[in-house]
Amino acid sequence: MSDPEIIRLIRRNFVPVALNLYEIREAKGAAGDFFRAVQKQAPELYQGLYLVTPEGKLLAAHGKAEDPPAKWTAAVRGTLEQALKISGPLPARTDTRGDPPGLRGKGFDKDGSSIWAVYTRPMVLGLDRRGLGDHALDSIRISAEDWKAWSPPRDAVVGTRWSLPAEVGRKLHKVLSPTSDANTLARPDEVSDATFKLRITQITDGLATVRIDGHLAGIHTWQFEPNKGKKIRAAVGLLGIGTVHLKTGQWREITLVGEGLYSHFPPYDEPSRYGAVVEWRRD
């Protein structure tokens, strides 16, 4: 989808919408009904790219994994062109520009929450580039109430220690899979260990440097047949650093780096190494 020609075709002719399959197929109301009606027109697809009219008529679809990636790009471009051929000439859309994920990894939302950026990728050979897999992007929303648990005590000095409540630590569950797929990712209620210990290592002009040591582990139960009930396990150690204003308790930035082990359900349960990064900054 990052191919320049694909971007041009979409910007000129389509209204792109990204949907979470696990949510939209169960959604009540008009949106769920619309998606299910479209999906019935391409029953051979589990998920993928659907090109539809506002009335819900399927023009073209693509959901087959292609290898190498260049072949996949060509297939997607061909799907877009097929839909345009069926629909006939369309007036060009007015070009609008924006930054929908503008809050990802920085700043605060109107309700005082923030969105932390998450990156994971397989690293089966550690830092050796030959073992690096495709990276996954995700996000974690930290509420205004969660931020209170992250902030140090008001009388904090160098050496002050505190820990996060387990329910706050579980919010970082999205680092428990190298692919960030809901099929493989432990949900918050499946996190068996969420330990985060924080310690102030330095204070300069009221700005405290905080070391963060964390550990997350979870067991995800596969939800669908024929593998329903099988277990997927993951554990990751996290080491981080951040800065916080002691007077206000407001953080300026946080970065966490982690190394984990991931085991799919048998017979694909050979532990595999992966890496994770979580980051956020105020500005």
Protein backbone atom coordinates (compact mmCIF):
# COMPACT_ATOMS: atom_id res chain seq x y z
CA MET A 1 0.00 0.00 0.00
CA SER A 2 3.01 2.30 0.13
CA ASP A 3 3.56 2.09 -3.64
CA PRO A 4 3.30 5.62 -5.16
CA GLU A 5 0.91 4.52 -7.93
CA ILE A 6 -1.37 2.76 -5.44
CA ILE A 7 -1.42 5.86 -3.24
CA ARG A 8 -2.26 8.01 -6.28
CA LEU A 9 -5.14 5.74 -7.33
CA ILE A 10 -6.61 5.66 -3.83
CA ARG A 11 -6.29 9.42 -3.25
CA ARG A 12 -7.93 10.26 -6.56
CA ASN A 13 -10.73 7.69 -6.69
CA PHE A 14 -11.47 6.02 -3.33
CA VAL A 15 -12.38 6.72 0.28
CA PRO A 16 -10.05 4.43 2.27
CA VAL A 17 -11.39 2.82 5.45
CA ALA A 18 -9.37 0.53 7.74
CA LEU A 19 -11.40 -2.02 9.70
CA ASN A 20 -10.56 -4.41 12.51
CA LEU A 21 -11.91 -7.74 11.27
CA TYR A 22 -12.43 -9.14 14.77
CA GLU A 23 -14.65 -6.18 15.68
CA ILE A 24 -16.50 -5.30 12.47
CA ARG A 25 -17.71 -8.82 11.70
CA GLU A 26 -19.43 -8.93 15.11
CA ALA A 27 -20.57 -5.28 15.15
CA LYS A 28 -24.23 -4.54 15.66
CA GLY A 29 -25.94 -1.93 13.54
CA ALA A 30 -25.51 -0.53 10.04
CA ALA A 31 -21.69 -0.74 9.86
CA GLY A 32 -21.59 -4.42 10.76
CA ASP A 33 -24.49 -5.24 8.44
CA PHE A 34 -22.77 -3.39 5.57
CA PHE A 35 -19.48 -5.27 6.03
CA ARG A 36 -21.11 -8.69 6.32
CA ALA A 37 -23.11 -8.05 3.15
CA VAL A 38 -19.90 -7.14 1.31
CA GLN A 39 -18.05 -10.16 2.69
CA LYS A 40 -20.77 -12.52 1.44
CA GLN A 41 -20.02 -11.34 -2.11
CA ALA A 42 -16.45 -12.70 -1.80
CA PRO A 43 -16.85 -15.77 0.46
CA GLU A 44 -13.46 -17.13 -0.60
CA LEU A 45 -11.69 -14.30 1.25
CA TYR A 46 -11.00 -14.43 4.99
CA GLN A 47 -9.83 -10.82 4.98
CA GLY A 48 -8.24 -8.40 2.56
CA LEU A 49 -8.96 -5.45 0.31
CA TYR A 50 -12.57 -4.80 -0.74
CA LEU A 51 -13.56 -2.16 -3.32
CA VAL A 52 -17.26 -1.36 -2.98
CA THR A 53 -19.82 1.24 -4.04
CA PRO A 54 -21.63 3.36 -1.43
CA GLU A 55 -24.60 1.04 -1.95
CA GLY A 56 -22.51 -1.99 -0.97
CA LYS A 57 -21.89 -3.58 -4.38
CA LEU A 58 -18.52 -5.34 -4.51
CA LEU A 59 -16.47 -4.19 -7.50
CA ALA A 60 -13.22 -6.09 -6.82
CA ALA A 61 -11.38 -7.73 -3.96
CA HIS A 62 -7.98 -9.15 -3.13
CA GLY A 63 -6.90 -11.17 -0.10
CA LYS A 64 -4.27 -13.59 -1.30
CA ALA A 65 -0.76 -13.37 0.13
CA GLU A 66 1.76 -12.90 -2.66
CA ASP A 67 5.49 -13.56 -2.59
CA PRO A 68 7.72 -11.71 -3.33
CA PRO A 69 6.30 -8.37 -2.14
CA ALA A 70 6.65 -6.84 -5.62
CA LYS A 71 4.14 -9.37 -6.91
CA TRP A 72 1.75 -8.39 -4.11
CA THR A 73 2.05 -4.72 -5.05
CA ALA A 74 1.17 -5.51 -8.66
CA ALA A 75 -1.83 -7.58 -7.56
CA VAL A 76 -3.19 -4.77 -5.36
CA ARG A 77 -2.70 -2.22 -8.13
CA GLY A 78 -4.51 -4.54 -10.54
CA THR A 79 -7.43 -4.89 -8.08
CA LEU A 80 -7.82 -1.12 -7.87
CA GLU A 81 -7.71 -0.77 -11.65
CA GLN A 82 -10.28 -3.56 -12.04
CA ALA A 83 -12.70 -1.75 -9.72
CA LEU A 84 -12.27 1.49 -11.67
CA LYS A 85 -12.89 -0.29 -14.96
CA ILE A 86 -16.17 -1.71 -13.64
CA SER A 87 -17.34 1.54 -12.03
CA GLY A 88 -16.59 3.70 -15.03
CA PRO A 89 -15.16 7.25 -15.01
CA LEU A 90 -15.23 8.99 -11.64
CA PRO A 91 -14.67 12.66 -10.80
CA ALA A 92 -11.39 13.21 -9.01
CA ARG A 93 -11.71 13.59 -5.25
CA THR A 94 -10.67 16.87 -3.70
CA ASP A 95 -7.18 16.42 -2.34
CA THR A 96 -7.20 16.68 1.45
CA ARG A 97 -4.19 16.26 3.66
CA GLY A 98 -3.99 15.44 7.33
CA ASP A 99 -2.19 13.41 9.91
CA PRO A 100 -4.70 10.95 11.47
CA PRO A 101 -2.07 9.26 13.68
CA GLY A 102 -0.71 12.64 14.75
CA LEU A 103 -1.05 11.80 18.45
CA ARG A 104 0.67 8.44 18.14
CA GLY A 105 3.82 8.55 20.21
CA LYS A 106 3.48 12.17 21.31
CA GLY A 107 1.28 14.61 23.16
CA PHE A 108 -2.09 14.21 24.85
CA ASP A 109 -5.65 13.75 23.70
CA LYS A 110 -8.47 16.03 24.89
CA ASP A 111 -9.31 13.70 27.79
CA GLY A 112 -5.73 13.72 29.11
CA SER A 113 -4.88 10.29 27.69
CA SER A 114 -1.94 9.64 25.37
CA ILE A 115 -1.12 7.10 22.69
CA TRP A 116 2.20 5.32 23.05
CA ALA A 117 3.82 4.02 19.86
CA VAL A 118 4.67 0.30 19.79
CA TYR A 119 7.05 -1.49 17.43
CA THR A 120 7.79 -5.24 17.40
CA ARG A 121 9.64 -7.54 15.00
CA PRO A 122 11.09 -11.06 14.92
CA MET A 123 14.81 -11.12 15.76
CA VAL A 124 15.59 -14.83 15.58
CA LEU A 125 19.36 -14.16 15.37
CA GLY A 126 19.42 -11.28 17.81
CA LEU A 127 20.95 -8.17 16.24
CA ASP A 128 22.19 -10.07 13.19
CA ARG A 129 20.26 -8.54 10.27
CA ARG A 130 19.88 -11.93 8.62
CA GLY A 131 17.35 -12.86 11.31
CA LEU A 132 15.26 -9.70 11.28
CA GLY A 133 11.61 -10.10 10.28
CA ASP A 134 9.04 -7.55 9.18
CA HIS A 135 8.24 -4.99 11.85
CA ALA A 136 4.74 -4.47 13.23
CA LEU A 137 3.26 -1.14 14.33
CA ASP A 138 0.72 -0.78 17.12
CA SER A 139 -0.43 1.66 19.78
CA ILE A 140 -1.22 1.69 23.49
CA ARG A 141 -3.62 4.22 25.00
CA ILE A 142 -2.59 5.38 28.47
CA SER A 143 -5.44 7.11 30.31
CA ALA A 144 -5.10 10.18 32.51
CA GLU A 145 -5.67 7.89 35.50
CA ASP A 146 -2.91 5.51 34.34
CA TRP A 147 -0.48 8.44 34.19
CA LYS A 148 -0.95 8.98 37.93
CA ALA A 149 0.48 5.50 38.60
CA TRP A 150 3.52 6.23 36.42
CA SER A 151 4.34 9.49 38.19
CA PRO A 152 6.71 9.46 41.21
CA PRO A 153 5.73 10.41 44.77
CA ARG A 154 5.73 14.18 45.42
CA ASP A 155 8.56 13.89 47.95
CA ALA A 156 10.74 11.85 45.57
CA VAL A 157 14.53 12.11 45.73
CA VAL A 158 17.38 10.32 43.97
CA GLY A 159 16.92 6.64 44.74
CA THR A 160 13.13 6.79 45.23
CA ARG A 161 11.47 3.61 43.99
CA TRP A 162 7.87 2.75 43.15
CA SER A 163 5.98 0.10 41.19
CA LEU A 164 3.05 0.12 38.81
CA PRO A 165 -0.20 -1.62 39.76
CA ALA A 166 -0.61 -4.79 37.71
CA GLU A 167 -3.72 -3.44 35.97
CA VAL A 168 -1.71 -0.49 34.65
CA GLY A 169 1.21 -2.67 33.56
CA ARG A 170 -1.16 -4.93 31.63
CA LYS A 171 -1.94 -2.00 29.32
CA LEU A 172 1.41 -2.76 27.65
CA HIS A 173 0.24 -6.24 26.60
CA LYS A 174 0.70 -5.37 22.92
CA VAL A 175 4.43 -6.12 23.16
CA LEU A 176 3.57 -9.81 23.75
CA SER A 177 3.68 -10.80 20.08
CA PRO A 178 6.20 -10.07 17.31
CA THR A 179 3.34 -9.66 14.82
CA SER A 180 0.80 -7.70 16.92
CA ASP A 181 -2.00 -9.85 15.49
CA ALA A 182 -5.07 -10.20 17.71
CA ASN A 183 -5.05 -13.90 16.84
CA THR A 184 -1.66 -14.34 18.51
CA LEU A 185 -1.59 -11.52 21.05
CA ALA A 186 -2.41 -12.03 24.72
CA ARG A 187 -5.27 -9.79 25.84
CA PRO A 188 -4.95 -7.78 29.07
CA ASP A 189 -6.88 -10.45 30.98
CA GLU A 190 -4.47 -13.11 29.66
CA VAL A 191 -1.37 -11.35 31.04
CA SER A 192 0.03 -13.52 33.84
CA ASP A 193 2.83 -11.16 34.90
CA ALA A 194 3.01 -7.39 34.60
CA THR A 195 5.85 -6.19 36.81
CA PHE A 196 7.18 -2.66 36.41
CA LYS A 197 9.64 -1.12 38.86
CA LEU A 198 10.75 2.51 38.57
CA ARG A 199 13.69 4.28 40.21
CA ILE A 200 14.92 7.88 40.09
CA THR A 201 18.59 7.89 39.13
CA GLN A 202 19.21 11.63 38.75
CA ILE A 203 17.57 15.01 39.39
CA THR A 204 18.62 18.18 37.58
CA ASP A 205 16.71 21.44 38.02
CA GLY A 206 13.59 19.59 39.10
CA LEU A 207 13.70 17.18 36.16
CA ALA A 208 14.09 13.56 37.27
CA THR A 209 15.60 10.79 35.17
CA VAL A 210 13.79 7.51 35.80
CA ARG A 211 14.98 3.98 35.09
CA ILE A 212 12.22 1.49 34.29
CA ASP A 213 12.59 -2.29 34.64
CA GLY A 214 9.66 -4.30 33.40
CA HIS A 215 8.57 -7.84 32.67
CA LEU A 216 5.44 -9.02 30.88
CA ALA A 217 4.24 -12.57 30.27
CA GLY A 218 1.02 -13.95 28.91
CA ILE A 219 -0.73 -17.04 27.58
CA HIS A 220 -3.18 -16.46 24.74
CA THR A 221 -5.85 -19.05 23.98
CA TRP A 222 -6.59 -19.53 20.27
CA GLN A 223 -10.27 -18.76 19.68
CA PHE A 224 -11.11 -20.46 16.40
CA GLU A 225 -11.42 -23.99 15.08
CA PRO A 226 -9.64 -26.21 14.24
CA ASN A 227 -7.08 -24.96 16.79
CA LYS A 228 -9.51 -23.56 19.35
CA GLY A 229 -8.17 -23.85 22.89
CA LYS A 230 -4.50 -24.19 21.97
CA LYS A 231 -2.06 -21.96 23.86
CA ILE A 232 0.35 -19.31 22.62
CA ARG A 233 2.98 -18.12 25.10
CA ALA A 234 5.14 -15.02 25.20
CA ALA A 235 7.34 -13.21 27.69
CA VAL A 236 9.37 -10.04 27.30
CA GLY A 237 11.80 -8.13 29.48
CA LEU A 238 11.76 -4.35 29.13
CA LEU A 239 14.36 -1.76 30.07
CA GLY A 240 13.51 1.89 29.80
CA ILE A 241 14.36 5.45 30.65
CA GLY A 242 12.27 8.57 30.94
CA THR A 243 12.19 12.06 32.39
CA VAL A 244 9.51 13.59 34.60
CA HIS A 245 9.03 17.00 36.23
CA LEU A 246 8.90 16.34 39.97
CA LYS A 247 6.89 19.45 40.84
CA THR A 248 4.02 18.65 38.48
CA GLY A 249 4.45 14.89 38.09
CA GLN A 250 4.23 15.35 34.33
CA TRP A 251 6.40 13.15 32.13
CA ARG A 252 8.42 14.63 29.28
CA GLU A 253 9.33 11.37 27.53
CA ILE A 254 9.47 7.60 27.95
CA THR A 255 11.28 4.94 25.92
CA LEU A 256 11.20 1.19 26.58
CA VAL A 257 13.27 -1.43 24.73
CA GLY A 258 12.55 -5.13 25.12
CA GLU A 259 13.68 -8.62 24.15
CA GLY A 260 11.16 -11.44 24.24
CA LEU A 261 10.51 -15.10 23.55
CA TYR A 262 7.40 -16.16 21.66
CA SER A 263 6.03 -19.72 21.30
CA HIS A 264 3.15 -20.53 18.97
CA PHE A 265 0.90 -23.50 19.68
CA PRO A 266 2.28 -27.03 18.96
CA PRO A 267 3.75 -28.21 16.69
CA TYR A 268 5.01 -24.67 15.95
CA ASP A 269 6.08 -24.02 19.53
CA GLU A 270 9.84 -23.68 19.14
CA PRO A 271 10.62 -20.47 21.11
CA SER A 272 11.50 -17.56 18.83
CA ARG A 273 13.25 -14.33 19.80
CA TYR A 274 11.75 -10.95 19.04
CA GLY A 275 12.32 -7.31 19.91
CA ALA A 276 9.99 -4.55 21.06
CA VAL A 277 10.13 -0.77 21.44
CA VAL A 278 7.60 1.52 23.15
CA GLU A 279 8.01 5.28 23.01
CA TRP A 280 6.22 8.52 23.83
CA ARG A 281 7.22 12.17 24.20
CA ARG A 282 5.31 15.25 25.27
CA ASP A 283 6.07 17.42 22.22
